[in-house]
Amino acid sequence: MNPGDPLAELRDIHLPNSVSAWPLAPGWWVLIIVVCAGLAALLVLWSRRHRARLYRRQALLQLQQIEHSSEQQIAALIELLKQTVNSAYPEQHYSSLSINEFFAFLRHSCPGAIFANLPDNLDNLLYAKDSELDPLITEQLTESATIWIRQHLPSHKLNYKPPC
């Protein structure tokens, strides 16, 4: 070797060790924990909402059964509405109102236009034979009941005072 050659003393370039993805930096652990906590919270909220709306799904299934039955549809429909009201508003006793006051409550507790143009003698129609009923009344009640079951206000948003 030539002692005066400075290039002879150089070594080859050594690359650093490759960067490992593991173990993760503390910031990534914090991000993973926050994302997992957020997903868990969303799952809990979805589960609570799903369970809270169970009565609505059951009422809609019963409503379909009532539509396909031929006996006492109006009486069964009003009974279903009263059961649903008891499930939706368990602390209040709106189902014990008179039939006209009950339908007024139903109209008040739903943002949609429902139970309009009902006959004045609706309480008499409850005990009438199905052959005496106008099919339009039954259809209108069924459509309004479907809308009410799907769209009625939750109890914390309802401010209804029944007439004395």
Protein backbone atom coordinates (compact mmCIF):
# COMPACT_ATOMS: atom_id res chain seq x y z
CA MET A 1 0.00 0.00 0.00
CA ASN A 2 0.98 3.46 -0.65
CA PRO A 3 1.35 5.32 2.68
CA GLY A 4 0.63 8.64 1.05
CA ASP A 5 -2.69 7.57 -0.50
CA PRO A 6 -5.50 8.84 1.84
CA LEU A 7 -8.20 6.98 -0.10
CA ALA A 8 -6.68 3.67 0.84
CA GLU A 9 -7.64 4.27 4.46
CA LEU A 10 -11.39 4.60 3.68
CA ARG A 11 -13.73 1.73 4.40
CA ASP A 12 -16.90 0.83 2.50
CA ILE A 13 -20.10 2.67 3.41
CA HIS A 14 -22.03 0.76 6.06
CA LEU A 15 -25.81 1.17 6.01
CA PRO A 16 -27.54 1.52 9.36
CA ASN A 17 -29.69 -1.31 10.66
CA SER A 18 -33.20 -1.32 9.20
CA VAL A 19 -35.84 0.47 11.23
CA SER A 20 -38.16 -1.98 12.95
CA ALA A 21 -41.90 -1.40 13.13
CA TRP A 22 -41.92 -3.06 16.51
CA PRO A 23 -41.99 -1.97 19.29
CA LEU A 24 -44.24 0.92 18.55
CA ALA A 25 -43.56 4.42 19.71
CA PRO A 26 -45.64 5.68 22.67
CA GLY A 27 -47.70 7.95 20.42
CA TRP A 28 -48.93 4.97 18.42
CA TRP A 29 -49.95 3.16 21.62
CA VAL A 30 -51.95 6.20 22.72
CA LEU A 31 -53.62 6.35 19.31
CA ILE A 32 -54.50 2.64 19.42
CA ILE A 33 -55.99 3.00 22.91
CA VAL A 34 -58.05 6.06 21.91
CA VAL A 35 -59.38 4.34 18.77
CA CYS A 36 -60.27 1.16 20.69
CA ALA A 37 -62.02 3.18 23.41
CA GLY A 38 -63.96 5.13 20.78
CA LEU A 39 -65.04 1.95 18.99
CA ALA A 40 -66.09 0.39 22.31
CA ALA A 41 -68.14 3.50 23.17
CA LEU A 42 -69.83 3.43 19.76
CA LEU A 43 -70.62 -0.25 20.18
CA VAL A 44 -72.17 0.37 23.61
CA LEU A 45 -74.25 3.29 22.28
CA TRP A 46 -75.43 1.28 19.29
CA SER A 47 -76.33 -1.66 21.54
CA ARG A 48 -78.34 0.57 23.90
CA ARG A 49 -80.16 2.23 21.03
CA HIS A 50 -80.91 -1.12 19.43
CA ARG A 51 -82.34 -2.48 22.69
CA ALA A 52 -84.27 0.75 23.32
CA ARG A 53 -85.98 0.45 19.93
CA LEU A 54 -86.96 -3.19 20.38
CA TYR A 55 -90.54 -2.28 21.30
CA ARG A 56 -90.87 -0.39 17.99
CA ARG A 57 -89.75 -3.40 15.95
CA GLN A 58 -92.10 -5.69 17.88
CA ALA A 59 -95.00 -3.27 17.46
CA LEU A 60 -94.43 -3.08 13.70
CA LEU A 61 -94.44 -6.88 13.49
CA GLN A 62 -97.70 -7.04 15.45
CA LEU A 63 -99.14 -4.33 13.20
CA GLN A 64 -98.42 -6.48 10.16
CA GLN A 65 -100.20 -9.39 11.82
CA ILE A 66 -103.19 -7.17 12.57
CA GLU A 67 -103.32 -6.00 8.94
CA HIS A 68 -103.58 -9.60 7.75
CA SER A 69 -106.24 -10.58 10.27
CA SER A 70 -109.87 -9.97 9.49
CA GLU A 71 -111.41 -9.75 12.95
CA GLN A 72 -111.62 -6.65 15.15
CA GLN A 73 -108.83 -4.78 13.41
CA ILE A 74 -109.59 -1.41 14.95
CA ALA A 75 -109.80 -2.77 18.49
CA ALA A 76 -106.56 -4.73 18.02
CA LEU A 77 -104.89 -1.68 16.49
CA ILE A 78 -105.84 0.58 19.41
CA GLU A 79 -104.75 -2.10 21.88
CA LEU A 80 -101.38 -2.30 20.11
CA LEU A 81 -101.03 1.49 20.18
CA LYS A 82 -101.77 1.55 23.91
CA GLN A 83 -99.20 -1.19 24.56
CA THR A 84 -96.64 0.71 22.53
CA VAL A 85 -97.41 3.94 24.41
CA ASN A 86 -96.90 2.07 27.69
CA SER A 87 -93.53 0.84 26.45
CA ALA A 88 -92.46 4.22 25.09
CA TYR A 89 -93.60 6.28 28.07
CA PRO A 90 -93.62 3.91 31.08
CA GLU A 91 -93.75 6.64 33.74
CA GLN A 92 -96.86 8.28 32.31
CA HIS A 93 -100.25 6.64 31.94
CA TYR A 94 -101.34 7.97 28.57
CA SER A 95 -102.98 4.68 27.63
CA SER A 96 -105.65 5.27 30.27
CA LEU A 97 -106.92 8.41 28.54
CA SER A 98 -110.28 8.39 26.80
CA ILE A 99 -110.12 7.38 23.15
CA ASN A 100 -110.34 10.95 21.82
CA GLU A 101 -107.76 12.25 24.32
CA PHE A 102 -105.55 9.26 23.49
CA PHE A 103 -105.58 10.10 19.78
CA ALA A 104 -104.91 13.76 20.63
CA PHE A 105 -101.86 12.61 22.58
CA LEU A 106 -100.73 10.46 19.64
CA ARG A 107 -101.03 13.46 17.31
CA HIS A 108 -99.06 15.62 19.74
CA SER A 109 -96.26 13.07 20.28
CA CYS A 110 -95.41 12.61 16.61
CA PRO A 111 -94.01 15.21 14.22
CA GLY A 112 -95.87 13.70 11.26
CA ALA A 113 -99.48 14.44 10.34
CA ILE A 114 -101.31 11.43 11.70
CA PHE A 115 -104.79 10.39 12.80
CA ALA A 116 -106.42 13.26 10.95
CA ASN A 117 -110.09 13.25 9.91
CA LEU A 118 -111.09 10.52 12.36
CA PRO A 119 -114.80 10.02 12.82
CA ASP A 120 -116.39 11.48 15.94
CA ASN A 121 -117.87 8.15 16.94
CA LEU A 122 -114.57 6.29 17.06
CA ASP A 123 -115.33 4.83 20.48
CA ASN A 124 -118.49 3.27 19.01
CA LEU A 125 -116.51 1.85 16.10
CA LEU A 126 -114.41 -0.14 18.54
CA TYR A 127 -117.37 -2.35 19.29
CA ALA A 128 -118.83 -2.45 15.80
CA LYS A 129 -118.58 -5.46 13.54
CA ASP A 130 -115.92 -5.27 10.86
CA SER A 131 -118.56 -5.48 8.16
CA GLU A 132 -120.01 -2.15 9.36
CA LEU A 133 -116.68 -0.32 9.16
CA ASP A 134 -115.47 1.74 6.28
CA PRO A 135 -112.25 0.14 4.99
CA LEU A 136 -110.78 3.61 4.48
CA ILE A 137 -110.94 4.25 8.24
CA THR A 138 -109.11 1.02 8.97
CA GLU A 139 -106.50 1.80 6.31
CA GLN A 140 -106.03 5.35 7.59
CA LEU A 141 -105.65 4.14 11.18
CA THR A 142 -103.14 1.50 10.12
CA GLU A 143 -101.03 3.98 8.12
CA SER A 144 -101.12 6.52 10.92
CA ALA A 145 -100.19 3.86 13.48
CA THR A 146 -97.22 2.81 11.37
CA ILE A 147 -96.03 6.41 11.12
CA TRP A 148 -96.52 6.98 14.85
CA ILE A 149 -94.63 3.81 15.84
CA ARG A 150 -91.69 4.77 13.65
CA GLN A 151 -91.54 8.50 14.40
CA HIS A 152 -92.93 9.23 17.87
CA LEU A 153 -90.86 11.44 20.12
CA PRO A 154 -88.80 9.97 22.94
CA SER A 155 -90.03 10.66 26.46
CA HIS A 156 -87.35 13.28 27.20
CA LYS A 157 -88.53 15.42 24.27
CA LEU A 158 -92.24 15.12 25.00
CA ASN A 159 -94.01 17.87 26.90
CA TYR A 160 -97.65 16.85 26.88
CA LYS A 161 -100.13 17.63 29.59
CA PRO A 162 -103.40 15.74 29.19
CA PRO A 163 -106.57 17.82 29.54
CA CYS A 164 -108.09 17.63 33.00
